[in-house]
PDB file of N, CA and C in Angstrom:
ATOM      1  N   PHE A   1      96.199  92.831 108.985  1.00  0.00           N
ATOM      2  CA  PHE A   1      97.507  93.625 109.878  1.00  0.00           C
ATOM      3  C   PHE A   1      98.721  93.276 108.941  1.00  0.00           C
ATOM      4  N   TYR A   2      99.290  93.843 108.008  1.00  0.00           N
ATOM      5  CA  TYR A   2     100.604  93.215 107.214  1.00  0.00           C
ATOM      6  C   TYR A   2     101.481  94.485 106.959  1.00  0.00           C
ATOM      7  N   VAL A   3     102.705  93.969 107.469  1.00  0.00           N
ATOM      8  CA  VAL A   3     104.407  94.694 107.874  1.00  0.00           C
ATOM      9  C   VAL A   3     104.527  95.222 106.561  1.00  0.00           C
ATOM     10  N   SER A   4     104.036  95.002 105.369  1.00  0.00           N
ATOM     11  CA  SER A   4     104.640  95.211 104.019  1.00  0.00           C
ATOM     12  C   SER A   4     103.774  95.430 103.011  1.00  0.00           C
ATOM     13  N   SER A   5     103.446  96.251 101.621  1.00  0.00           N
ATOM     14  CA  SER A   5     102.691  96.485 101.196  1.00  0.00           C
ATOM     15  C   SER A   5     102.620  94.990  99.882  1.00  0.00           C
ATOM     16  N   ALA A   6     103.661  93.710  99.653  1.00  0.00           N
ATOM     17  CA  ALA A   6     103.652  92.547  99.274  1.00  0.00           C
ATOM     18  C   ALA A   6     104.328  91.788 100.326  1.00  0.00           C
ATOM     19  N   PRO A   7     103.983  90.871  99.708  1.00  0.00           N
ATOM     20  CA  PRO A   7     105.400  89.623 100.584  1.00  0.00           C
ATOM     21  C   PRO A   7     106.606  89.610 100.093  1.00  0.00           C
ATOM     22  N   ASP A   8     106.152  89.954  98.699  1.00  0.00           N
ATOM     23  CA  ASP A   8     108.235  90.075  98.732  1.00  0.00           C
ATOM     24  C   ASP A   8     108.829  91.239  99.006  1.00  0.00           C
ATOM     25  N   GLN A   9     107.640  92.433  99.852  1.00  0.00           N
ATOM     26  CA  GLN A   9     108.455  93.602  99.592  1.00  0.00           C
ATOM     27  C   GLN A   9     109.043  93.758 101.336  1.00  0.00           C
ATOM     28  N   PRO A  10     109.999  94.153 101.012  1.00  0.00           N
ATOM     29  CA  PRO A  10     110.613  94.352 103.102  1.00  0.00           C
ATOM     30  C   PRO A  10     109.753  94.957 103.424  1.00  0.00           C
ATOM     31  N   PRO A  11     109.440  95.265 105.104  1.00  0.00           N
ATOM     32  CA  PRO A  11     108.645  95.521 105.804  1.00  0.00           C
ATOM     33  C   PRO A  11     108.723  97.372 105.848  1.00  0.00           C
ATOM     34  N   PHE A  12     107.668  97.837 106.145  1.00  0.00           N
ATOM     35  CA  PHE A  12     107.613  99.286 106.251  1.00  0.00           C
ATOM     36  C   PHE A  12     108.361  99.964 106.441  1.00  0.00           C
ATOM     37  N   VAL A  13     108.954  98.631 108.377  1.00  0.00           N
ATOM     38  CA  VAL A  13     108.941  99.464 109.524  1.00  0.00           C
ATOM     39  C   VAL A  13     109.802  98.806 110.357  1.00  0.00           C
ATOM     40  N   LYS A  14     110.590  98.543 110.649  1.00  0.00           N
ATOM     41  CA  LYS A  14     111.146  97.428 111.832  1.00  0.00           C
ATOM     42  C   LYS A  14     112.095  98.516 112.845  1.00  0.00           C
ATOM     43  N   VAL A  15     112.223  97.315 114.129  1.00  0.00           N
ATOM     44  CA  VAL A  15     112.345  97.899 115.148  1.00  0.00           C
ATOM     45  C   VAL A  15     113.823  98.314 115.349  1.00  0.00           C
ATOM     46  N   GLY A  16     114.158  99.747 115.803  1.00  0.00           N
ATOM     47  CA  GLY A  16     115.096 100.332 115.920  1.00  0.00           C
ATOM     48  C   GLY A  16     114.595 102.110 114.398  1.00  0.00           C
ATOM     49  N   ASP A  17     113.989 101.957 113.794  1.00  0.00           N
ATOM     50  CA  ASP A  17     113.471 102.596 112.545  1.00  0.00           C
ATOM     51  C   ASP A  17     112.776 103.777 113.312  1.00  0.00           C
ATOM     52  N   THR A  18     114.032 104.800 112.520  1.00  0.00           N
ATOM     53  CA  THR A  18     113.202 106.066 113.280  1.00  0.00           C
ATOM     54  C   THR A  18     111.756 106.178 112.416  1.00  0.00           C
ATOM     55  N   VAL A  19     111.103 107.112 112.597  1.00  0.00           N
ATOM     56  CA  VAL A  19     109.490 107.685 111.859  1.00  0.00           C
ATOM     57  C   VAL A  19     109.316 108.791 112.478  1.00  0.00           C
ATOM     58  N   ASN A  20     108.328 109.459 111.391  1.00  0.00           N
ATOM     59  CA  ASN A  20     107.541 111.030 111.511  1.00  0.00           C
ATOM     60  C   ASN A  20     106.698 110.493 111.693  1.00  0.00           C
ATOM     61  N   GLU A  21     105.618 111.305 111.356  1.00  0.00           N
ATOM     62  CA  GLU A  21     104.071 111.230 111.684  1.00  0.00           C
ATOM     63  C   GLU A  21     103.490 111.003 110.916  1.00  0.00           C
ATOM     64  N   ASN A  22     104.624 111.281 109.770  1.00  0.00           N
ATOM     65  CA  ASN A  22     103.454 110.558 108.188  1.00  0.00           C
ATOM     66  C   ASN A  22     104.118 109.157 107.611  1.00  0.00           C
ATOM     67  N   THR A  23     105.583 108.924 108.426  1.00  0.00           N
ATOM     68  CA  THR A  23     106.033 107.691 108.293  1.00  0.00           C
ATOM     69  C   THR A  23     104.526 106.705 108.213  1.00  0.00           C
ATOM     70  N   VAL A  24     105.003 106.051 106.864  1.00  0.00           N
ATOM     71  CA  VAL A  24     103.662 104.073 106.808  1.00  0.00           C
ATOM     72  C   VAL A  24     104.516 103.437 107.797  1.00  0.00           C
ATOM     73  N   VAL A  25     103.841 102.976 108.378  1.00  0.00           N
ATOM     74  CA  VAL A  25     104.502 101.738 109.672  1.00  0.00           C
ATOM     75  C   VAL A  25     103.431  99.960 108.732  1.00  0.00           C
ATOM     76  N   CYS A  26     102.341 100.611 108.500  1.00  0.00           N
ATOM     77  CA  CYS A  26     101.920  99.311 108.050  1.00  0.00           C
ATOM     78  C   CYS A  26     100.788  99.111 106.917  1.00  0.00           C
ATOM     79  N   VAL A  27      99.843  98.459 106.933  1.00  0.00           N
ATOM     80  CA  VAL A  27      98.722  98.426 105.900  1.00  0.00           C
ATOM     81  C   VAL A  27      97.920  97.353 106.421  1.00  0.00           C
ATOM     82  N   ILE A  28      96.455  98.075 106.940  1.00  0.00           N
ATOM     83  CA  ILE A  28      95.389  96.880 107.280  1.00  0.00           C
ATOM     84  C   ILE A  28      94.075  96.785 105.785  1.00  0.00           C
ATOM     85  N   GLU A  29      93.650  95.335 105.856  1.00  0.00           N
ATOM     86  CA  GLU A  29      92.576  95.500 105.623  1.00  0.00           C
ATOM     87  C   GLU A  29      91.948  95.349 105.951  1.00  0.00           C
ATOM     88  N   ALA A  30      90.421  96.157 104.785  1.00  0.00           N
ATOM     89  CA  ALA A  30      89.545  96.481 105.952  1.00  0.00           C
ATOM     90  C   ALA A  30      88.414  96.503 105.019  1.00  0.00           C
ATOM     91  N   MET A  31      87.695  95.500 104.402  1.00  0.00           N
ATOM     92  CA  MET A  31      86.242  95.111 104.107  1.00  0.00           C
ATOM     93  C   MET A  31      87.202  94.917 102.122  1.00  0.00           C
ATOM     94  N   LYS A  32      87.838  94.453 102.034  1.00  0.00           N
ATOM     95  CA  LYS A  32      88.978  94.227 101.050  1.00  0.00           C
ATOM     96  C   LYS A  32      89.345  95.505 100.598  1.00  0.00           C
ATOM     97  N   VAL A  33      89.916  96.708 101.122  1.00  0.00           N
ATOM     98  CA  VAL A  33      90.767  97.902 101.068  1.00  0.00           C
ATOM     99  C   VAL A  33      91.564  97.663 101.815  1.00  0.00           C
ATOM    100  N   MET A  34      92.419  98.080 100.914  1.00  0.00           N
ATOM    101  CA  MET A  34      93.998  98.197 101.933  1.00  0.00           C
ATOM    102  C   MET A  34      94.708  99.744 102.091  1.00  0.00           C
ATOM    103  N   ASN A  35      94.777 100.002 103.521  1.00  0.00           N
ATOM    104  CA  ASN A  35      94.454 101.148 104.258  1.00  0.00           C
ATOM    105  C   ASN A  35      95.982 101.280 104.754  1.00  0.00           C
ATOM    106  N   GLU A  36      96.896 102.285 104.595  1.00  0.00           N
ATOM    107  CA  GLU A  36      98.356 102.112 104.536  1.00  0.00           C
ATOM    108  C   GLU A  36      97.919 103.000 105.993  1.00  0.00           C
ATOM    109  N   ILE A  37      98.427 102.929 107.334  1.00  0.00           N
ATOM    110  CA  ILE A  37      98.199 103.087 109.010  1.00  0.00           C
ATOM    111  C   ILE A  37      99.882 104.163 108.779  1.00  0.00           C
ATOM    112  N   LYS A  38     100.089 105.356 109.214  1.00  0.00           N
ATOM    113  CA  LYS A  38     100.754 106.013 109.166  1.00  0.00           C
ATOM    114  C   LYS A  38     101.288 106.044 110.981  1.00  0.00           C
ATOM    115  N   ALA A  39     102.879 106.512 111.089  1.00  0.00           N
ATOM    116  CA  ALA A  39     103.062 106.501 112.951  1.00  0.00           C
ATOM    117  C   ALA A  39     102.219 107.189 113.819  1.00  0.00           C
ATOM    118  N   GLY A  40     102.275 108.643 113.107  1.00  0.00           N
ATOM    119  CA  GLY A  40     101.099 109.411 113.909  1.00  0.00           C
ATOM    120  C   GLY A  40     101.790 110.210 114.762  1.00  0.00           C
ATOM    121  N   LYS A  41     102.997 109.686 115.559  1.00  0.00           N
ATOM    122  CA  LYS A  41     104.179 110.937 116.193  1.00  0.00           C
ATOM    123  C   LYS A  41     106.028 110.048 116.079  1.00  0.00           C
ATOM    124  N   LYS A  42     106.520 111.266 115.495  1.00  0.00           N
ATOM    125  CA  LYS A  42     107.646 110.855 115.668  1.00  0.00           C
ATOM    126  C   LYS A  42     108.633 109.997 117.068  1.00  0.00           C
ATOM    127  N   GLY A  43     109.539 109.513 116.791  1.00  0.00           N
ATOM    128  CA  GLY A  43     110.091 108.116 117.653  1.00  0.00           C
ATOM    129  C   GLY A  43     111.078 107.189 116.994  1.00  0.00           C
ATOM    130  N   VAL A  44     110.530 106.205 117.724  1.00  0.00           N
ATOM    131  CA  VAL A  44     112.007 105.042 117.069  1.00  0.00           C
ATOM    132  C   VAL A  44     111.053 103.976 117.681  1.00  0.00           C
ATOM    133  N   ILE A  45     110.795 103.060 116.637  1.00  0.00           N
ATOM    134  CA  ILE A  45     109.846 101.997 116.687  1.00  0.00           C
ATOM    135  C   ILE A  45     110.707 101.070 117.694  1.00  0.00           C
ATOM    136  N   LYS A  46     110.132 100.316 118.470  1.00  0.00           N
ATOM    137  CA  LYS A  46     110.519  99.867 120.346  1.00  0.00           C
ATOM    138  C   LYS A  46     110.646  97.869 119.843  1.00  0.00           C
ATOM    139  N   GLU A  47     109.034  97.990 119.705  1.00  0.00           N
ATOM    140  CA  GLU A  47     108.456  97.257 119.244  1.00  0.00           C
ATOM    141  C   GLU A  47     107.131  96.633 118.599  1.00  0.00           C
ATOM    142  N   VAL A  48     107.513  95.825 117.700  1.00  0.00           N
ATOM    143  CA  VAL A  48     106.335  95.116 116.976  1.00  0.00           C
ATOM    144  C   VAL A  48     105.471  94.237 117.750  1.00  0.00           C
ATOM    145  N   LEU A  49     104.286  94.996 118.166  1.00  0.00           N
ATOM    146  CA  LEU A  49     103.112  94.055 118.695  1.00  0.00           C
ATOM    147  C   LEU A  49     102.389  92.653 118.314  1.00  0.00           C
ATOM    148  N   THR A  50     102.520  92.753 117.022  1.00  0.00           N
ATOM    149  CA  THR A  50     101.358  92.459 116.322  1.00  0.00           C
ATOM    150  C   THR A  50     102.350  91.131 115.403  1.00  0.00           C
ATOM    151  N   GLU A  51     101.510  90.011 114.876  1.00  0.00           N
ATOM    152  CA  GLU A  51     102.483  89.250 113.478  1.00  0.00           C
ATOM    153  C   GLU A  51     101.841  89.756 112.542  1.00  0.00           C
ATOM    154  N   ASN A  52     102.782  89.406 110.799  1.00  0.00           N
ATOM    155  CA  ASN A  52     102.816  89.542 109.778  1.00  0.00           C
ATOM    156  C   ASN A  52     101.566  88.609 109.963  1.00  0.00           C
ATOM    157  N   ALA A  53     100.294  89.130 109.163  1.00  0.00           N
ATOM    158  CA  ALA A  53      98.617  88.807 108.575  1.00  0.00           C
ATOM    159  C   ALA A  53      97.892  88.310 109.309  1.00  0.00           C
ATOM    160  N   GLN A  54      98.150  88.763 110.514  1.00  0.00           N
ATOM    161  CA  GLN A  54      97.441  88.640 111.671  1.00  0.00           C
ATOM    162  C   GLN A  54      96.024  89.060 111.708  1.00  0.00           C
ATOM    163  N   ALA A  55      94.852  88.876 112.061  1.00  0.00           N
ATOM    164  CA  ALA A  55      93.513  89.724 111.830  1.00  0.00           C
ATOM    165  C   ALA A  55      94.044  90.951 113.077  1.00  0.00           C
ATOM    166  N   VAL A  56      92.863  92.033 112.812  1.00  0.00           N
ATOM    167  CA  VAL A  56      93.649  92.478 114.070  1.00  0.00           C
ATOM    168  C   VAL A  56      91.972  93.426 114.229  1.00  0.00           C
ATOM    169  N   GLU A  57      91.948  94.071 115.657  1.00  0.00           N
ATOM    170  CA  GLU A  57      90.027  94.857 116.369  1.00  0.00           C
ATOM    171  C   GLU A  57      91.056  96.282 116.098  1.00  0.00           C
ATOM    172  N   TYR A  58      89.561  97.055 115.694  1.00  0.00           N
ATOM    173  CA  TYR A  58      89.905  98.558 116.124  1.00  0.00           C
ATOM    174  C   TYR A  58      90.317  98.510 117.514  1.00  0.00           C
ATOM    175  N   GLU A  59      91.417  99.275 117.361  1.00  0.00           N
ATOM    176  CA  GLU A  59      91.973 100.189 118.422  1.00  0.00           C
ATOM    177  C   GLU A  59      93.588  98.949 118.738  1.00  0.00           C
ATOM    178  N   THR A  60      93.567  98.229 118.273  1.00  0.00           N
ATOM    179  CA  THR A  60      94.376  97.384 118.516  1.00  0.00           C
ATOM    180  C   THR A  60      96.448  98.063 119.051  1.00  0.00           C
ATOM    181  N   LYS A  61      96.823  98.476 119.794  1.00  0.00           N
ATOM    182  CA  LYS A  61      98.134  98.186 119.654  1.00  0.00           C
ATOM    183  C   LYS A  61      99.145  97.555 118.716  1.00  0.00           C
ATOM    184  N   LEU A  62      99.576  98.068 117.631  1.00  0.00           N
ATOM    185  CA  LEU A  62     100.730  97.360 116.968  1.00  0.00           C
ATOM    186  C   LEU A  62     101.647  97.816 116.940  1.00  0.00           C
ATOM    187  N   PHE A  63     102.349  98.986 117.550  1.00  0.00           N
ATOM    188  CA  PHE A  63     103.481  99.364 117.800  1.00  0.00           C
ATOM    189  C   PHE A  63     103.968 100.170 119.020  1.00  0.00           C
ATOM    190  N   VAL A  64     105.105  99.755 119.876  1.00  0.00           N
ATOM    191  CA  VAL A  64     105.686 100.774 120.387  1.00  0.00           C
ATOM    192  C   VAL A  64     106.583 101.632 119.556  1.00  0.00           C
ATOM    193  N   ILE A  65     105.894 102.790 120.468  1.00  0.00           N
ATOM    194  CA  ILE A  65     107.229 104.115 119.568  1.00  0.00           C
ATOM    195  C   ILE A  65     107.688 104.998 120.848  1.00  0.00           C
ATOM    196  N   GLU A  66     108.951 105.395 121.016  1.00  0.00           N
ATOM    197  CA  GLU A  66     109.377 106.216 122.239  1.00  0.00           C
ATOM    198  C   GLU A  66     109.553 107.358 121.684  1.00  0.00           C
TER     199      GLU A  66
END
């Protein structure tokens, strides 16, 4: 789980940001491939539930979007 596209880049989103279904919110690395993850719904980022560079499992909740 990565909050930005590179260590020297700002995060895709932060708490308080408004997102839509197609907003990229993070990147997940799987089998050495970086996959952009989209919000999937409209709302406001209320909480980031995972630390940057942390390993995550399938179906891990990453953000609270209301």
